[in-house]
Amino acid sequence: MAAACNKVELNPAEGGNEPTPAANMIVETVSGTTEMSTKATIADEGGAFSWTKNDNIAVHVSNGTTHKYVLTSETGGKGASVSAGTASFTIAYDEGYTRDAFAVYPSTIVSPSATNYGQSGATLDVTLPDSYTLAQVSGDITPCPMIATNTPGSGWEFKQLCGLLRLTVNSIPPSTQRLEIDFNGKKVCGAFSIAKNVSPGTSVIVTSDDTANDCITITKDGTSDETLYSGWGDGKVFNIPLPTGTYGDITITAYDARTGGEAILTMTRSLKNGVATYTASRQGGVKRTASFPVFSINGAYDDYPPVSSQTRRVIFSPGNLQAATVNKGTTWTWSFAAHQYDFIGSSAVANNKINGTGTVSDNGTVDLFGRSVEGNSYGISNSTSKEDYNGTFKDWGKIRTFSYRGVTTTYPEDYWFTLTGENDLKNAANQWSRIMNYRQTGATVNSVTNARYALAMINVSSTDANDGVMGIILFPDYYSGPSATTTDIKWGTINAHGYVSDWGGTRCTVAGWEALESEGCVFLPAAGRRYSVSGSAYDYSYYAANNLVYDYAWYTLHFKSSTDKYNIYWNDACNAWLGAAVRLVHEIK
């Protein structure tokens, strides 16, 4: 039996033969429609999905006393025969049974042992899976749940039971074997009951608050050559059923194994798109894009400036490096600052009480470090002797255990490291120059293409527009967040440094910064630096990286002076014994 089909906008038809009916089997042709689209739909920016070859449905049958669902996948049928707006299904049921109640897609959301679900005023119980393979949800494939009236003698017209999230994820690390998408307390998988009376035209699967069922896992196929990685900046599309209701943020984590393994990268992104919450509707879906916050640190060095072959990428640690002691330096506990704009600075007690290699005269937290070698306790030293800084360089990545916001994590050795600088901006060793000068970010901010950074002030504790934490905002590759002035973000000059009379003018409220941070931006505060044996504040305000270029110095990214804090440089050498703020990075593979 045929039902009228609509125009299909996606998925060209594949070749394929209809299955040949066998004894006690019938072939049905159906279309799935919601409003004017086939099978499932994306509400914003258009888009419809066709039936996909091997799709299966569950058909309810009854002999008057016994009721059950017949699943096409378990009765010898092969599901849909082609990819198109209409599809043929082979179903089989015993003599004496007829179709009644409902047909449901996909067949996996109801159990074959289900009996009276969805008829005679009873509720319809379905189960949404918490795991999908890439082939089930990628590209133009969608498992969006649907229901159709199952009337003998007529075709089926399926109506959606869910909304649909078409999520494009950029910059997925190459080693990713699975993604976990956490809807932060909103139920998206597990058992659901569709309240009576069930109606294909109005019934929905509704979300609820439930942290135990708020995560969906997507894994690469075990036998397929398809990969979750498709090239840096090249998005992978996932079509995820979304029960109707309100949503806020989602958290996406990449892992290096199909089960277990290590988390490679995590990000939190908003589904809200400028409003308080996003409301998922049965009548359509939504398109959203999320990009992991990675930063290119190399390019094509035979070109100037390099514009291609951006193959090495890093992520930044969540805050400034800190070391705390309660026994005057006998032991140190290492951590990252709670916020990216947090710093202790040159006037803090411990930063000014360093009285020898790795010891202090008063307990507290240090966050200004000299260039680290074997003999100066990771830079917690006030020595100005050349001999104390010309040994084997010992990066802070040799430290393995760090805490962040109360959670302690042990990393592999050299997981974290510091970026390098170099006087020659074209030199391959100048990783800061790669980030600041040459990255092709693909982002436009305040009308500037390939936006890489903005000098900025974050109003952390004051409503005074001229009071706040000064520093620099770095935009990740493929940044797609706020790009024009808003209530909480006032954009100034982009990609400008040096002796600039107008420091740039970018200002953010805390809410504005949090919006930028959620899109992967990094903020490096102008943290000051420690100077001389006494530890008194030097008249510089800067942020440091490292590279040993001669025995007594390292190259840094820094702010030029306290009076010109927005004039930033990344090709000036600084004495190794000057205590500087440190932000670590990790390379993503």
Protein backbone atom coordinates (compact mmCIF):
# COMPACT_ATOMS: atom_id res chain seq x y z
CA MET A 1 0.00 0.00 0.00
CA ALA A 2 1.38 3.37 -0.90
CA ALA A 3 1.13 6.70 0.82
CA ALA A 4 1.99 9.95 -0.90
CA CYS A 5 5.60 10.99 -0.55
CA ASN A 6 7.09 14.43 -0.35
CA LYS A 7 10.13 15.93 -1.98
CA VAL A 8 13.37 14.69 -0.43
CA GLU A 9 16.04 17.33 0.05
CA LEU A 10 18.82 15.10 1.32
CA ASN A 11 20.15 11.61 0.58
CA PRO A 12 20.03 10.71 -3.11
CA ALA A 13 18.31 7.38 -3.70
CA GLU A 14 20.42 4.25 -3.59
CA GLY A 15 19.91 1.31 -5.85
CA GLY A 16 18.27 -1.80 -4.44
CA ASN A 17 15.59 -4.40 -5.04
CA GLU A 18 12.42 -4.79 -3.05
CA PRO A 19 12.37 -8.01 -1.02
CA THR A 20 10.31 -10.80 -2.50
CA PRO A 21 7.26 -11.64 -0.34
CA ALA A 22 7.36 -15.08 1.26
CA ALA A 23 4.61 -17.15 2.79
CA ASN A 24 2.64 -15.21 5.42
CA MET A 25 4.58 -12.06 4.54
CA ILE A 26 3.38 -8.83 2.99
CA VAL A 27 5.23 -5.90 1.52
CA GLU A 28 4.13 -2.46 2.67
CA THR A 29 5.20 0.88 1.25
CA VAL A 30 5.14 3.80 3.66
CA SER A 31 6.14 7.43 3.89
CA GLY A 32 7.14 9.28 7.03
CA THR A 33 5.98 12.85 7.22
CA THR A 34 6.00 15.69 9.68
CA GLU A 35 4.15 18.68 8.33
CA MET A 36 5.67 18.99 4.83
CA SER A 37 8.88 17.02 5.27
CA THR A 38 9.76 13.37 4.93
CA LYS A 39 10.70 11.05 7.79
CA ALA A 40 12.25 13.71 10.05
CA THR A 41 13.04 17.36 9.67
CA ILE A 42 15.33 20.15 10.75
CA ALA A 43 13.26 23.24 11.44
CA ASP A 44 15.85 25.98 11.06
CA GLU A 45 17.56 26.41 7.72
CA GLY A 46 15.47 23.63 6.17
CA GLY A 47 16.45 20.03 5.65
CA ALA A 48 14.58 16.74 5.39
CA PHE A 49 15.69 13.12 5.84
CA SER A 50 14.72 10.19 3.71
CA TRP A 51 14.22 6.57 4.68
CA THR A 52 17.55 4.79 4.74
CA LYS A 53 18.25 1.33 3.42
CA ASN A 54 17.84 -1.31 6.16
CA ASP A 55 15.68 0.95 8.34
CA ASN A 56 13.25 -1.21 10.35
CA ILE A 57 9.87 -0.63 11.96
CA ALA A 58 7.84 -2.40 14.66
CA VAL A 59 4.29 -3.21 13.57
CA HIS A 60 1.58 -3.96 16.16
CA VAL A 61 -0.63 -6.96 15.32
CA SER A 62 -3.51 -8.66 17.12
CA ASN A 63 -5.81 -11.69 16.79
CA GLY A 64 -8.36 -10.14 19.13
CA THR A 65 -6.99 -11.67 22.33
CA THR A 66 -3.23 -11.68 21.86
CA HIS A 67 -1.28 -8.55 21.01
CA LYS A 68 2.34 -8.10 20.02
CA TYR A 69 4.76 -6.10 17.97
CA VAL A 70 6.36 -7.67 14.91
CA LEU A 71 9.83 -6.34 14.20
CA THR A 72 10.85 -6.41 10.56
CA SER A 73 14.46 -6.95 11.57
CA GLU A 74 13.56 -10.24 13.32
CA THR A 75 11.23 -11.81 10.79
CA GLY A 76 13.47 -12.17 7.78
CA GLY A 77 12.77 -8.73 6.37
CA LYS A 78 15.55 -6.38 5.42
CA GLY A 79 13.89 -3.13 6.34
CA ALA A 80 13.68 -0.33 3.85
CA SER A 81 14.83 -1.38 0.41
CA VAL A 82 16.21 1.96 -0.78
CA SER A 83 16.99 5.44 0.50
CA ALA A 84 14.10 7.58 -0.57
CA GLY A 85 11.02 9.48 0.55
CA THR A 86 8.98 6.29 0.47
CA ALA A 87 10.19 2.85 1.50
CA SER A 88 9.06 -0.77 1.24
CA PHE A 89 9.09 -3.07 4.27
CA THR A 90 8.60 -6.81 4.48
CA ILE A 91 6.72 -7.93 7.58
CA ALA A 92 5.42 -11.35 8.65
CA TYR A 93 2.79 -12.39 11.18
CA ASP A 94 0.83 -15.53 11.89
CA GLU A 95 -2.49 -16.45 10.30
CA GLY A 96 -5.41 -14.88 12.13
CA TYR A 97 -3.52 -11.72 13.10
CA THR A 98 -4.18 -8.31 11.62
CA ARG A 99 -2.61 -4.93 11.99
CA ASP A 100 -3.95 -2.66 14.71
CA ALA A 101 -2.82 0.06 17.15
CA PHE A 102 0.48 1.55 15.96
CA ALA A 103 3.62 1.08 13.93
CA VAL A 104 6.79 2.53 15.44
CA TYR A 105 10.18 3.54 14.02
CA PRO A 106 12.90 2.52 14.71
CA SER A 107 11.96 -1.00 15.67
CA THR A 108 14.53 -1.06 18.48
CA ILE A 109 12.61 1.36 20.70
CA VAL A 110 9.94 -1.28 21.52
CA SER A 111 10.48 -4.83 22.70
CA PRO A 112 9.25 -7.72 20.50
CA SER A 113 7.64 -9.15 23.64
CA ALA A 114 5.55 -6.00 24.14
CA THR A 115 1.84 -6.84 24.20
CA ASN A 116 -0.75 -4.19 24.92
CA TYR A 117 1.40 -1.08 24.68
CA GLY A 118 -0.29 1.81 22.97
CA GLN A 119 -3.80 0.49 22.47
CA SER A 120 -7.15 0.60 24.26
CA GLY A 121 -6.11 3.76 26.08
CA ALA A 122 -2.95 2.24 27.57
CA THR A 123 0.36 4.11 27.62
CA LEU A 124 3.00 3.42 25.00
CA ASP A 125 6.35 2.44 26.56
CA VAL A 126 9.47 3.00 24.47
CA THR A 127 13.21 2.97 25.18
CA LEU A 128 15.70 5.38 23.65
CA PRO A 129 19.26 4.01 23.43
CA ASP A 130 22.21 5.62 25.18
CA SER A 131 24.72 4.49 22.55
CA TYR A 132 24.93 4.77 18.77
CA THR A 133 27.54 3.79 16.25
CA LEU A 134 28.74 6.41 13.83
CA ALA A 135 26.87 4.74 10.95
CA GLN A 136 23.56 5.10 12.81
CA VAL A 137 23.65 8.86 13.26
CA SER A 138 26.21 10.40 10.89
CA GLY A 139 25.69 12.42 7.75
CA ASP A 140 22.08 12.18 6.56
CA ILE A 141 21.16 9.19 8.73
CA THR A 142 18.71 9.76 11.57
CA PRO A 143 17.09 7.37 14.09
CA CYS A 144 14.49 9.98 15.08
CA PRO A 145 11.59 8.03 16.73
CA MET A 146 8.25 8.13 14.91
CA ILE A 147 4.78 6.62 15.23
CA ALA A 148 2.04 5.91 12.69
CA THR A 149 -1.55 4.75 12.94
CA ASN A 150 -1.57 1.07 12.01
CA THR A 151 -4.88 0.75 10.20
CA PRO A 152 -5.51 -2.39 8.08
CA GLY A 153 -5.93 -1.56 4.43
CA SER A 154 -4.15 1.76 4.52
CA GLY A 155 -0.55 2.96 4.41
CA TRP A 156 1.40 4.36 7.30
CA GLU A 157 2.18 8.04 7.71
CA PHE A 158 4.76 8.49 10.44
CA LYS A 159 4.83 11.47 12.80
CA GLN A 160 7.83 12.39 14.94
CA LEU A 161 7.83 11.59 18.65
CA CYS A 162 10.98 13.65 19.31
CA GLY A 163 12.82 16.73 18.36
CA LEU A 164 16.11 16.29 16.55
CA LEU A 165 19.54 17.79 17.21
CA ARG A 166 21.76 17.96 14.15
CA LEU A 167 25.10 18.55 15.84
CA THR A 168 28.24 19.32 13.84
CA VAL A 169 31.45 18.87 15.86
CA ASN A 170 34.64 20.46 14.52
CA SER A 171 38.26 19.65 15.37
CA ILE A 172 37.65 16.17 16.77
CA PRO A 173 41.10 14.80 17.77
CA PRO A 174 42.43 12.12 15.39
CA SER A 175 42.76 9.48 18.14
CA THR A 176 39.08 9.75 19.16
CA GLN A 177 37.27 6.42 19.37
CA ARG A 178 34.09 7.67 21.01
CA LEU A 179 32.27 10.86 21.91
CA GLU A 180 30.11 11.31 24.98
CA ILE A 181 27.50 14.05 24.71
CA ASP A 182 26.11 14.98 28.10
CA PHE A 183 22.91 17.02 28.22
CA ASN A 184 23.70 18.11 31.78
CA GLY A 185 20.78 16.74 33.76
CA LYS A 186 18.17 16.39 31.01
CA LYS A 187 17.03 12.83 30.28
CA VAL A 188 17.72 11.77 26.69
CA CYS A 189 17.92 7.96 26.95
CA GLY A 190 16.29 5.07 28.77
CA ALA A 191 12.62 4.18 29.33
CA PHE A 192 9.84 6.63 28.48
CA SER A 193 6.05 6.32 28.70
CA ILE A 194 3.90 8.16 26.22
CA ALA A 195 0.76 9.14 28.08
CA LYS A 196 -2.63 7.92 26.95
CA ASN A 197 -4.45 8.48 24.78
CA VAL A 198 -1.70 7.85 22.27
CA SER A 199 -2.05 9.90 19.09
CA PRO A 200 0.44 9.85 16.20
CA GLY A 201 -0.42 13.46 15.49
CA THR A 202 0.27 14.88 18.95
CA SER A 203 2.06 12.33 21.15
CA VAL A 204 5.62 13.10 22.21
CA ILE A 205 8.52 11.67 24.19
CA VAL A 206 9.19 14.21 26.93
CA THR A 207 12.46 14.86 28.74
CA SER A 208 12.77 15.20 32.50
CA ASP A 209 15.52 16.07 34.98
CA ASP A 210 17.62 12.93 35.32
CA THR A 211 21.41 12.90 35.64
CA ALA A 212 21.60 9.11 35.30
CA ASN A 213 20.19 9.16 31.75
CA ASP A 214 21.50 12.44 30.37
CA CYS A 215 24.36 11.15 28.22
CA ILE A 216 24.55 9.72 24.70
CA THR A 217 27.65 7.87 23.45
CA ILE A 218 28.71 7.77 19.81
CA THR A 219 31.43 5.26 18.86
CA LYS A 220 33.22 4.54 15.62
CA ASP A 221 32.12 1.29 14.00
CA GLY A 222 34.18 -1.72 14.99
CA THR A 223 34.63 -3.04 11.46
CA SER A 224 34.33 0.18 9.50
CA ASP A 225 37.12 2.34 8.13
CA GLU A 226 35.04 5.37 9.00
CA THR A 227 36.53 7.55 11.69
CA LEU A 228 35.26 10.17 14.09
CA TYR A 229 38.12 12.39 12.92
CA SER A 230 37.65 13.97 9.51
CA GLY A 231 40.38 16.61 9.45
CA TRP A 232 40.99 19.60 11.70
CA GLY A 233 38.15 22.04 11.19
CA ASP A 234 36.15 19.59 9.10
CA GLY A 235 32.95 18.93 11.01
CA LYS A 236 31.41 15.56 11.70
CA VAL A 237 27.60 15.59 11.63
CA PHE A 238 25.55 13.67 14.21
CA ASN A 239 21.74 13.45 14.20
CA ILE A 240 20.56 12.87 17.76
CA PRO A 241 16.94 12.25 18.88
CA LEU A 242 16.04 14.82 21.51
CA PRO A 243 12.94 14.34 23.71
CA THR A 244 10.73 17.41 23.71
CA GLY A 245 11.38 19.95 26.46
CA THR A 246 13.87 22.62 27.47
CA TYR A 247 17.66 22.36 27.29
CA GLY A 248 20.61 24.55 28.19
CA ASP A 249 24.24 23.47 27.82
CA ILE A 250 25.77 20.23 26.61
CA THR A 251 29.21 18.83 27.45
CA ILE A 252 31.11 16.89 24.78
CA THR A 253 34.06 14.66 25.70
CA ALA A 254 36.36 12.81 23.29
CA TYR A 255 37.87 9.49 24.45
CA ASP A 256 40.69 7.41 22.98
CA ALA A 257 38.90 4.05 23.35
CA ARG A 258 35.46 2.66 22.46
CA THR A 259 34.98 1.82 26.15
CA GLY A 260 36.99 3.18 29.06
CA GLY A 261 40.19 4.85 27.98
CA GLU A 262 41.37 8.39 28.64
CA ALA A 263 39.52 11.63 28.02
CA ILE A 264 41.35 13.50 25.26
CA LEU A 265 39.37 16.71 25.25
CA THR A 266 36.21 18.12 26.86
CA MET A 267 34.12 21.18 26.05
CA THR A 268 30.83 22.69 27.15
CA ARG A 269 28.65 24.43 24.60
CA SER A 270 25.25 26.05 24.65
CA LEU A 271 22.19 24.88 22.75
CA LYS A 272 20.48 28.16 23.58
CA ASN A 273 21.65 30.23 20.61
CA GLY A 274 21.00 33.58 22.26
CA VAL A 275 17.92 32.76 24.33
CA ALA A 276 17.49 31.57 27.92
CA THR A 277 16.90 27.94 26.95
CA TYR A 278 16.32 25.86 23.84
CA THR A 279 12.95 24.12 23.57
CA ALA A 280 12.95 20.93 21.52
CA SER A 281 9.75 20.36 19.55
CA ARG A 282 8.25 17.26 17.93
CA GLN A 283 7.63 19.27 14.78
CA GLY A 284 11.25 19.80 13.91
CA GLY A 285 14.88 19.81 14.91
CA VAL A 286 17.68 22.29 15.39
CA LYS A 287 21.15 22.69 13.91
CA ARG A 288 24.06 23.49 16.19
CA THR A 289 27.84 23.55 15.69
CA ALA A 290 30.50 22.98 18.36
CA SER A 291 34.27 23.18 17.94
CA PHE A 292 36.86 21.75 20.28
CA PRO A 293 39.16 24.61 21.40
CA VAL A 294 42.47 23.84 19.72
CA PHE A 295 45.29 26.21 18.75
CA SER A 296 47.72 25.66 15.86
CA ILE A 297 51.39 25.87 16.83
CA ASN A 298 53.04 25.23 13.46
CA GLY A 299 52.60 26.03 9.81
CA ALA A 300 54.35 25.80 6.44
CA TYR A 301 57.71 27.24 7.43
CA ASP A 302 58.96 27.68 3.88
CA ASP A 303 56.26 30.31 3.37
CA TYR A 304 56.11 33.71 5.01
CA PRO A 305 53.70 33.98 6.55
CA PRO A 306 52.88 30.27 6.69
CA VAL A 307 49.29 29.63 5.70
CA SER A 308 48.98 25.86 5.36
CA SER A 309 49.88 22.53 6.93
CA GLN A 310 48.59 23.46 10.36
CA THR A 311 49.01 19.97 11.73
CA ARG A 312 50.19 20.41 15.34
CA ARG A 313 47.63 21.69 17.81
CA VAL A 314 47.44 22.27 21.54
CA ILE A 315 44.89 23.00 24.22
CA PHE A 316 45.61 25.29 27.18
CA SER A 317 45.44 24.34 30.84
CA PRO A 318 42.31 25.73 32.57
CA GLY A 319 44.21 28.39 34.54
CA ASN A 320 47.57 29.77 35.64
CA LEU A 321 50.08 27.39 37.19
CA GLN A 322 50.17 27.59 41.01
CA ALA A 323 52.22 25.94 43.76
CA ALA A 324 51.14 26.01 47.42
CA THR A 325 53.01 25.09 50.60
CA VAL A 326 52.05 24.81 54.27
CA ASN A 327 55.56 23.89 55.47
CA LYS A 328 57.62 26.72 53.94
CA GLY A 329 58.59 24.79 50.85
CA THR A 330 59.44 21.34 52.22
CA THR A 331 56.64 20.09 49.95
CA TRP A 332 54.62 21.80 47.26
CA THR A 333 51.11 21.07 45.94
CA TRP A 334 50.56 22.00 42.29
CA SER A 335 47.30 23.26 40.81
CA PHE A 336 45.66 25.38 38.14
CA ALA A 337 43.91 28.62 39.06
CA ALA A 338 40.14 28.28 39.47
CA HIS A 339 39.43 30.85 36.74
CA GLN A 340 41.44 31.91 33.72
CA TYR A 341 41.49 35.50 34.95
CA ASP A 342 42.78 34.56 38.44
CA PHE A 343 46.35 35.38 39.43
CA ILE A 344 48.16 36.03 42.71
CA GLY A 345 50.76 38.43 41.38
CA SER A 346 54.00 40.04 42.52
CA SER A 347 52.59 41.54 45.71
CA ALA A 348 51.39 38.21 47.15
CA VAL A 349 53.02 36.92 50.33
CA ALA A 350 54.58 33.70 49.02
CA ASN A 351 55.72 35.27 45.74
CA ASN A 352 57.61 37.85 47.81
CA LYS A 353 58.93 35.43 50.43
CA ILE A 354 61.09 33.12 48.32
CA ASN A 355 64.33 32.87 50.27
CA GLY A 356 66.19 30.13 48.48
CA THR A 357 65.86 27.22 46.12
CA GLY A 358 62.36 25.88 46.62
CA THR A 359 61.83 27.41 50.06
CA VAL A 360 59.90 30.40 51.38
CA SER A 361 59.94 32.35 54.64
CA ASP A 362 56.14 32.39 54.85
CA ASN A 363 53.54 29.87 53.72
CA GLY A 364 51.26 30.57 50.81
CA THR A 365 50.89 30.11 47.05
CA VAL A 366 53.42 30.96 44.36
CA ASP A 367 52.39 31.67 40.77
CA LEU A 368 55.47 33.49 39.41
CA PHE A 369 58.27 31.12 38.37
CA GLY A 370 61.77 31.47 36.97
CA ARG A 371 63.03 29.37 34.10
CA SER A 372 63.02 25.81 35.41
CA VAL A 373 66.18 23.68 35.62
CA GLU A 374 67.11 20.69 37.75
CA GLY A 375 68.60 22.82 40.50
CA ASN A 376 65.99 25.50 41.15
CA SER A 377 62.83 23.57 42.13
CA TYR A 378 60.72 24.34 39.06
CA GLY A 379 61.52 28.04 39.19
CA ILE A 380 60.73 28.63 42.87
CA SER A 381 64.06 30.36 43.39
CA ASN A 382 65.32 33.90 43.88
CA SER A 383 68.86 33.20 42.78
CA THR A 384 70.34 35.56 40.18
CA SER A 385 73.38 33.34 39.65
CA LYS A 386 73.94 32.18 36.12
CA GLU A 387 75.06 28.79 37.37
CA ASP A 388 71.62 28.12 38.83
CA TYR A 389 69.93 28.48 35.44
CA ASN A 390 72.25 26.92 32.87
CA GLY A 391 71.52 23.29 33.70
CA THR A 392 69.31 20.82 31.92
CA PHE A 393 65.96 22.43 31.26
CA LYS A 394 63.22 20.86 33.40
CA ASP A 395 59.75 21.76 32.23
CA TRP A 396 56.75 21.77 34.58
CA GLY A 397 55.41 18.82 32.60
CA LYS A 398 57.74 16.67 34.72
CA ILE A 399 55.21 17.29 37.48
CA ARG A 400 52.37 14.83 37.05
CA THR A 401 49.71 15.64 39.66
CA PHE A 402 47.65 18.83 39.49
CA SER A 403 44.41 19.87 41.15
CA TYR A 404 41.72 22.07 39.63
CA ARG A 405 38.65 23.28 41.52
CA GLY A 406 39.07 20.58 44.14
CA VAL A 407 39.62 17.67 41.72
CA THR A 408 43.11 16.12 41.62
CA THR A 409 44.32 14.44 38.41
CA THR A 410 47.53 12.53 37.71
CA TYR A 411 48.75 12.92 34.11
CA PRO A 412 51.44 11.05 32.14
CA GLU A 413 54.87 12.62 32.36
CA ASP A 414 55.32 15.50 29.91
CA TYR A 415 51.56 15.65 29.25
CA TRP A 416 51.78 19.39 29.95
CA PHE A 417 54.52 21.66 28.58
CA THR A 418 55.20 25.33 27.85
CA LEU A 419 55.16 26.98 24.45
CA THR A 420 58.42 28.22 23.01
CA GLY A 421 59.48 31.63 21.78
CA GLU A 422 62.26 32.82 19.50
CA ASN A 423 63.63 36.20 18.38
CA ASP A 424 63.05 35.30 14.72
CA LEU A 425 59.28 35.34 14.17
CA LYS A 426 59.68 33.06 11.14
CA ASN A 427 61.61 30.44 13.08
CA ALA A 428 59.79 27.14 13.51
CA ALA A 429 60.69 27.15 17.20
CA ASN A 430 58.54 30.23 17.82
CA GLN A 431 55.28 28.53 18.73
CA TRP A 432 53.89 31.75 20.20
CA SER A 433 54.38 33.38 16.83
CA ARG A 434 52.43 30.55 15.18
CA ILE A 435 49.50 31.22 17.53
CA MET A 436 49.65 35.02 17.43
CA ASN A 437 50.68 35.72 13.83
CA TYR A 438 49.90 32.97 11.40
CA ARG A 439 47.00 30.75 12.40
CA GLN A 440 44.21 30.51 9.85
CA THR A 441 41.43 30.42 12.42
CA GLY A 442 38.56 30.75 9.98
CA ALA A 443 36.94 33.17 12.44
CA THR A 444 35.76 36.75 11.91
CA VAL A 445 35.47 38.92 15.03
CA ASN A 446 34.55 42.61 14.94
CA SER A 447 34.82 42.42 11.12
CA VAL A 448 38.45 41.14 11.24
CA THR A 449 39.06 37.86 9.42
CA ASN A 450 41.28 35.15 10.91
CA ALA A 451 40.83 36.66 14.36
CA ARG A 452 43.53 35.34 16.69
CA TYR A 453 43.57 37.59 19.76
CA ALA A 454 42.22 40.74 21.39
CA LEU A 455 43.68 42.85 24.18
CA ALA A 456 41.00 42.92 26.84
CA MET A 457 39.76 43.78 30.30
CA ILE A 458 37.39 41.54 32.27
CA ASN A 459 35.33 43.34 34.91
CA VAL A 460 35.56 40.59 37.51
CA SER A 461 34.62 42.36 40.74
CA SER A 462 33.41 45.79 39.74
CA THR A 463 30.74 47.39 37.61
CA ASP A 464 33.18 50.19 36.78
CA ALA A 465 33.91 49.89 33.07
CA ASN A 466 37.50 51.03 33.67
CA ASP A 467 38.23 48.55 36.46
CA GLY A 468 39.05 44.88 35.95
CA VAL A 469 41.65 42.26 35.09
CA MET A 470 43.72 43.21 32.06
CA GLY A 471 45.13 40.69 29.65
CA ILE A 472 44.61 39.08 26.28
CA ILE A 473 41.89 36.87 24.79
CA LEU A 474 43.04 34.14 22.39
CA PHE A 475 40.50 32.80 19.89
CA PRO A 476 40.78 29.05 19.13
CA ASP A 477 40.93 27.63 15.63
CA TYR A 478 37.45 27.65 14.06
CA TYR A 479 36.03 29.87 16.81
CA SER A 480 32.29 30.31 16.30
CA GLY A 481 31.21 32.27 19.39
CA PRO A 482 30.15 35.90 19.88
CA SER A 483 31.74 38.04 17.17
CA ALA A 484 29.91 41.37 17.47
CA THR A 485 29.43 43.79 20.35
CA THR A 486 26.76 42.72 22.83
CA THR A 487 25.53 43.91 26.21
CA ASP A 488 28.29 41.91 27.93
CA ILE A 489 31.05 42.16 25.32
CA LYS A 490 32.46 45.34 23.76
CA TRP A 491 34.90 44.45 21.04
CA GLY A 492 37.93 46.61 20.32
CA THR A 493 40.93 46.15 18.04
CA ILE A 494 41.62 42.58 16.89
CA ASN A 495 45.09 41.16 16.06
CA ALA A 496 46.98 44.33 17.09
CA HIS A 497 50.04 44.68 19.34
CA GLY A 498 53.16 46.78 19.79
CA TYR A 499 53.22 50.44 20.80
CA VAL A 500 49.54 51.06 20.32
CA SER A 501 48.20 54.28 21.83
CA ASP A 502 44.70 52.83 21.90
CA TRP A 503 45.17 49.55 23.76
CA GLY A 504 42.28 47.95 21.94
CA GLY A 505 39.20 48.64 24.02
CA THR A 506 37.78 45.12 24.38
CA ARG A 507 35.87 44.82 27.67
CA CYS A 508 33.82 41.96 29.07
CA THR A 509 31.57 41.43 32.02
CA VAL A 510 32.00 38.11 33.78
CA ALA A 511 28.93 36.85 31.88
CA GLY A 512 30.51 38.00 28.62
CA TRP A 513 33.77 36.24 29.40
CA GLU A 514 31.94 33.05 30.37
CA ALA A 515 30.22 33.09 26.98
CA LEU A 516 33.62 33.39 25.28
CA GLU A 517 35.18 30.74 27.53
CA SER A 518 32.36 28.30 26.70
CA GLU A 519 33.37 28.68 23.04
CA GLY A 520 36.99 27.76 23.79
CA CYS A 521 38.63 31.17 24.22
CA VAL A 522 41.70 31.47 26.45
CA PHE A 523 42.42 34.49 28.67
CA LEU A 524 45.99 35.29 29.74
CA PRO A 525 45.95 37.89 32.55
CA ALA A 526 48.67 40.53 32.86
CA ALA A 527 49.92 38.93 36.08
CA GLY A 528 53.08 40.88 36.89
CA ARG A 529 56.44 39.31 37.59
CA ARG A 530 58.83 38.72 40.48
CA TYR A 531 62.16 40.54 40.46
CA SER A 532 65.50 40.31 42.29
CA VAL A 533 66.61 38.43 45.37
CA SER A 534 64.19 40.30 47.62
CA GLY A 535 61.25 39.36 45.44
CA SER A 536 60.02 42.93 45.07
CA ALA A 537 57.73 43.72 42.17
CA TYR A 538 59.40 44.63 38.90
CA ASP A 539 57.77 47.32 36.80
CA TYR A 540 56.63 44.87 34.15
CA SER A 541 53.29 43.12 33.75
CA TYR A 542 53.47 40.10 31.53
CA TYR A 543 52.64 36.51 30.78
CA ALA A 544 55.40 34.03 30.05
CA ALA A 545 56.31 31.05 27.93
CA ASN A 546 59.76 29.52 27.74
CA ASN A 547 62.67 28.59 25.55
CA LEU A 548 66.32 28.45 26.54
CA VAL A 549 68.13 30.48 23.89
CA TYR A 550 71.26 31.28 25.84
CA ASP A 551 72.47 30.51 29.33
CA TYR A 552 70.73 33.25 31.19
CA ALA A 553 67.45 33.98 29.42
CA TRP A 554 64.27 32.67 27.90
CA TYR A 555 61.84 34.10 25.39
CA THR A 556 58.38 35.04 26.56
CA LEU A 557 54.98 36.27 25.56
CA HIS A 558 54.61 39.37 27.72
CA PHE A 559 53.03 42.76 28.25
CA LYS A 560 55.65 45.46 27.79
CA SER A 561 55.26 47.51 30.99
CA SER A 562 52.88 48.53 33.73
CA THR A 563 52.02 51.73 31.88
CA ASP A 564 51.60 50.02 28.50
CA LYS A 565 50.08 46.75 29.62
CA TYR A 566 48.34 46.20 26.33
CA ASN A 567 51.50 46.37 24.22
CA ILE A 568 52.28 42.67 23.94
CA TYR A 569 55.35 40.92 22.55
CA TRP A 570 56.37 37.30 22.01
CA ASN A 571 59.90 37.72 20.68
CA ASP A 572 61.74 39.44 23.56
CA ALA A 573 64.19 37.59 25.80
CA CYS A 574 63.92 37.90 29.60
CA ASN A 575 66.42 36.97 32.28
CA ALA A 576 65.84 33.42 33.53
CA TRP A 577 65.67 34.46 37.18
CA LEU A 578 62.68 36.79 36.69
CA GLY A 579 59.57 35.11 38.08
CA ALA A 580 56.83 34.89 35.46
CA ALA A 581 53.31 33.55 35.20
CA VAL A 582 53.08 30.22 33.37
CA ARG A 583 50.25 28.71 31.35
CA LEU A 584 50.82 25.10 30.29
CA VAL A 585 49.57 23.44 27.11
CA HIS A 586 48.95 19.87 25.93
CA GLU A 587 49.33 18.65 22.37
CA ILE A 588 46.25 16.96 20.87
CA LYS A 589 46.81 13.95 18.62
